[in-house]
């Protein structure tokens, strides 16, 4: 049986930020022969970009700067 563990939004953000930091370090240390043609390097850049985008959406939620609409609110608005 899979154990469920509840995590907070803040913990999620911390985990994503830790991963983003590791990627940044890996990118800085990457041997650069021809980076634009290197699939592994491009994968690191893409993952970092995705994490940065996710964090830019999650941080305002965590700080209470953004309201999360209730699914029924979307139905009423239309």
Protein backbone atom coordinates (compact mmCIF):
# COMPACT_ATOMS: atom_id res chain seq x y z
CA UNK A 1 0.00 0.00 0.00
CA UNK A 2 1.24 3.49 -0.87
CA UNK A 3 1.68 5.79 2.09
CA UNK A 4 0.13 9.21 1.55
CA UNK A 5 1.99 12.17 2.93
CA UNK A 6 0.45 15.61 2.97
CA UNK A 7 2.76 18.45 2.11
CA UNK A 8 2.12 22.15 2.23
CA UNK A 9 2.42 24.52 -0.69
CA UNK A 10 5.42 26.06 1.03
CA UNK A 11 7.15 22.66 1.23
CA UNK A 12 6.39 22.07 -2.44
CA UNK A 13 7.93 25.43 -3.34
CA UNK A 14 11.01 24.64 -1.24
CA UNK A 15 11.47 21.30 -3.03
CA UNK A 16 11.07 22.90 -6.47
CA UNK A 17 13.49 25.68 -5.56
CA UNK A 18 16.05 23.16 -4.30
CA UNK A 19 15.81 21.27 -7.59
CA UNK A 20 16.12 24.53 -9.55
CA UNK A 21 19.26 25.43 -7.59
CA UNK A 22 20.80 22.02 -8.34
CA UNK A 23 20.04 22.49 -12.03
CA UNK A 24 21.64 25.94 -12.01
CA UNK A 25 24.79 24.50 -10.46
CA UNK A 26 24.82 21.63 -12.95
CA UNK A 27 24.41 24.05 -15.86
CA UNK A 28 27.27 26.24 -14.58
CA UNK A 29 29.55 23.22 -14.24
CA UNK A 30 28.55 21.71 -17.58
CA UNK A 31 31.38 21.07 -20.05
CA UNK A 32 30.54 23.32 -22.96
CA UNK A 33 31.71 21.83 -26.20
CA UNK A 34 28.73 22.85 -28.36
CA UNK A 35 25.90 23.55 -25.88
CA UNK A 36 23.21 24.40 -28.46
CA UNK A 37 23.68 20.98 -30.05
CA UNK A 38 23.90 19.08 -26.77
CA UNK A 39 20.63 17.31 -25.95
CA UNK A 40 21.52 16.80 -22.27
CA UNK A 41 22.37 20.48 -21.83
CA UNK A 42 19.17 21.56 -23.56
CA UNK A 43 17.18 19.20 -21.32
CA UNK A 44 18.71 20.85 -18.24
CA UNK A 45 17.79 24.29 -19.59
CA UNK A 46 14.23 23.19 -20.35
CA UNK A 47 13.73 21.71 -16.88
CA UNK A 48 15.10 24.85 -15.24
CA UNK A 49 12.74 26.96 -17.34
CA UNK A 50 9.74 24.82 -16.36
CA UNK A 51 10.64 25.01 -12.67
CA UNK A 52 11.10 28.77 -12.86
CA UNK A 53 7.68 29.16 -14.50
CA UNK A 54 6.01 26.91 -11.91
CA UNK A 55 7.64 28.80 -9.05
CA UNK A 56 6.54 32.15 -10.48
CA UNK A 57 2.93 30.92 -10.28
CA UNK A 58 3.16 29.16 -6.91
CA UNK A 59 5.00 31.82 -4.88
CA UNK A 60 2.19 34.44 -5.11
CA UNK A 61 -0.31 31.75 -4.05
CA UNK A 62 1.81 30.86 -1.04
CA UNK A 63 2.13 34.52 -0.03
CA UNK A 64 -1.64 35.00 -0.33
CA UNK A 65 -1.25 37.52 -3.14
CA UNK A 66 -3.44 35.54 -5.48
CA UNK A 67 -6.87 34.02 -5.01
CA UNK A 68 -7.50 30.45 -6.07
CA UNK A 69 -10.98 30.43 -7.61
CA UNK A 70 -13.43 27.77 -6.61
CA UNK A 71 -14.36 25.56 -9.59
CA UNK A 72 -18.01 26.59 -9.26
CA UNK A 73 -17.06 30.27 -9.56
CA UNK A 74 -15.85 29.60 -13.11
CA UNK A 75 -19.23 28.08 -14.03
CA UNK A 76 -21.19 31.04 -12.62
CA UNK A 77 -19.00 33.61 -14.42
CA UNK A 78 -19.83 32.16 -17.85
